[in-house]
Amino acid sequence: MARRPVAVIVAVICFCPILARAGGVSLLNQDINGGADGPPFFGFVREVGGVGINDAKVTGELKGGALVTTTDILGLYKLPGFGKTVNPDDVNISCAKAGYKQANVVRRPHPAGDMKDPIEVDCYLQKQ
């Protein structure tokens, strides 16, 4: 009987690293590509009050194009960089999910001219 709880604990521990991925990509330094495509964007989509929202659509828009991804089970997302010639401040991040409306988008400070470190942008949705 004691083996069953141990098996459950091992299964949960093995499953947890999968939960730390946004769009199937982890947020480790090796994933950031050294700024070859400009700084990537990442963050959380949360309900106002703090709960992460699974499968929310996150859009990074720039004149002439957009990148779209969805959040993982924790509400985490990641978008690749838009290119070295693109000013990260010109990229507009928004989020959406059926039954919610966008309440707020919070962009964390980012050093000017830094083209390799990821930019954190959190999005908050409110139930309609």
Protein backbone atom coordinates (compact mmCIF):
# COMPACT_ATOMS: atom_id res chain seq x y z
CA MET A 1 0.00 0.00 0.00
CA ALA A 2 2.84 2.43 0.75
CA ARG A 3 4.13 2.15 -2.84
CA ARG A 4 1.09 3.86 -4.37
CA PRO A 5 1.64 7.29 -2.68
CA VAL A 6 5.34 7.14 -3.65
CA ALA A 7 4.40 6.44 -7.28
CA VAL A 8 1.99 9.40 -7.26
CA ILE A 9 4.67 11.71 -5.83
CA VAL A 10 7.22 10.58 -8.44
CA ALA A 11 4.66 11.12 -11.24
CA VAL A 12 3.92 14.66 -10.02
CA ILE A 13 7.62 15.52 -9.77
CA CYS A 14 8.23 14.26 -13.30
CA PHE A 15 5.23 16.19 -14.65
CA CYS A 16 6.13 19.57 -13.05
CA PRO A 17 8.92 20.53 -15.51
CA ILE A 18 6.39 20.24 -18.34
CA LEU A 19 4.24 22.85 -16.60
CA ALA A 20 7.12 25.35 -16.66
CA ARG A 21 6.95 25.65 -20.45
CA ALA A 22 5.15 28.36 -22.39
CA GLY A 23 4.03 27.40 -25.85
CA GLY A 24 6.15 24.27 -25.51
CA VAL A 25 9.36 26.28 -25.01
CA SER A 26 11.09 26.71 -21.68
CA LEU A 27 12.42 30.08 -20.56
CA LEU A 28 16.01 29.00 -20.07
CA ASN A 29 18.90 31.16 -21.31
CA GLN A 30 19.63 28.72 -24.15
CA ASP A 31 16.14 29.43 -25.55
CA ILE A 32 16.71 33.15 -25.73
CA ASN A 33 19.11 32.87 -28.72
CA GLY A 34 21.49 35.60 -27.56
CA GLY A 35 19.37 38.32 -29.15
CA ALA A 36 19.80 37.07 -32.74
CA ASP A 37 16.14 37.89 -33.43
CA GLY A 38 15.81 40.72 -30.94
CA PRO A 39 14.59 40.29 -27.38
CA PRO A 40 11.81 37.73 -26.85
CA PHE A 41 8.70 38.58 -24.86
CA PHE A 42 7.28 36.48 -22.03
CA GLY A 43 4.91 36.80 -19.12
CA PHE A 44 1.69 35.59 -17.58
CA VAL A 45 -1.95 36.03 -18.45
CA ARG A 46 -3.87 36.18 -15.20
CA GLU A 47 -7.36 36.83 -14.04
CA VAL A 48 -7.65 40.09 -12.12
CA GLY A 49 -6.88 38.81 -8.63
CA GLY A 50 -3.99 36.56 -9.63
CA VAL A 51 -5.10 33.18 -11.04
CA GLY A 52 -3.25 32.15 -14.25
CA ILE A 53 -5.45 31.56 -17.32
CA ASN A 54 -4.81 28.50 -19.47
CA ASP A 55 -5.12 28.64 -23.27
CA ALA A 56 -5.45 32.43 -23.51
CA LYS A 57 -4.43 33.99 -26.84
CA VAL A 58 -1.47 36.39 -26.63
CA THR A 59 -0.70 38.65 -29.58
CA GLY A 60 2.46 40.68 -30.16
CA GLU A 61 1.66 43.33 -32.78
CA LEU A 62 3.93 45.54 -34.78
CA LYS A 63 3.05 47.64 -37.82
CA GLY A 64 2.89 45.21 -40.69
CA GLY A 65 2.60 41.99 -38.71
CA ALA A 66 1.85 40.05 -35.56
CA LEU A 67 2.94 36.95 -33.67
CA VAL A 68 0.34 34.91 -31.80
CA THR A 69 0.73 32.20 -29.15
CA THR A 70 -1.31 30.68 -26.33
CA THR A 71 -0.63 30.28 -22.64
CA ASP A 72 0.14 27.05 -20.85
CA ILE A 73 -1.71 25.64 -17.83
CA LEU A 74 -0.10 28.26 -15.54
CA GLY A 75 -0.94 31.18 -17.83
CA LEU A 76 2.68 31.50 -19.05
CA TYR A 77 3.53 32.50 -22.62
CA LYS A 78 6.60 33.29 -24.73
CA LEU A 79 6.95 35.11 -28.05
CA PRO A 80 10.21 35.13 -30.04
CA GLY A 81 11.97 38.37 -30.88
CA PHE A 82 10.74 40.51 -33.79
CA GLY A 83 14.21 41.24 -35.13
CA LYS A 84 17.26 43.28 -34.16
CA THR A 85 16.07 46.32 -36.11
CA VAL A 86 12.73 46.44 -34.25
CA ASN A 87 12.46 48.68 -31.19
CA PRO A 88 10.86 46.49 -28.48
CA ASP A 89 8.86 49.53 -27.31
CA ASP A 90 7.02 49.48 -30.66
CA VAL A 91 5.64 45.99 -29.98
CA ASN A 92 2.13 45.97 -28.50
CA ILE A 93 1.21 42.89 -26.40
CA SER A 94 -2.47 42.05 -25.89
CA CYS A 95 -4.39 39.02 -24.64
CA ALA A 96 -7.83 37.55 -25.10
CA LYS A 97 -9.98 34.60 -24.13
CA ALA A 98 -13.68 33.91 -24.65
CA GLY A 99 -15.70 35.09 -21.64
CA TYR A 100 -13.06 37.62 -20.58
CA LYS A 101 -12.11 41.18 -21.43
CA GLN A 102 -8.64 42.67 -21.19
CA ALA A 103 -8.33 44.72 -18.00
CA ASN A 104 -4.64 45.72 -17.94
CA VAL A 105 -1.24 45.06 -19.51
CA VAL A 106 1.88 45.62 -17.38
CA ARG A 107 5.27 45.89 -19.08
CA ARG A 108 8.26 45.49 -16.76
CA PRO A 109 11.06 48.06 -17.21
CA HIS A 110 13.62 47.11 -19.86
CA PRO A 111 17.01 48.83 -20.32
CA ALA A 112 17.15 50.91 -23.50
CA GLY A 113 19.31 49.33 -26.19
CA ASP A 114 19.25 45.87 -24.55
CA MET A 115 18.56 43.52 -27.47
CA LYS A 116 19.16 40.15 -25.82
CA ASP A 117 17.39 40.00 -22.45
CA PRO A 118 13.73 38.94 -22.57
CA ILE A 119 11.03 41.51 -21.94
CA GLU A 120 8.35 40.64 -19.39
CA VAL A 121 4.80 41.73 -20.15
CA ASP A 122 1.95 40.51 -17.95
CA CYS A 123 -1.66 40.68 -19.06
CA TYR A 124 -4.74 40.74 -16.82
CA LEU A 125 -8.19 39.60 -17.93
CA GLN A 126 -11.53 40.15 -16.21
CA LYS A 127 -14.59 37.91 -16.52
CA GLN A 128 -17.41 39.50 -18.47
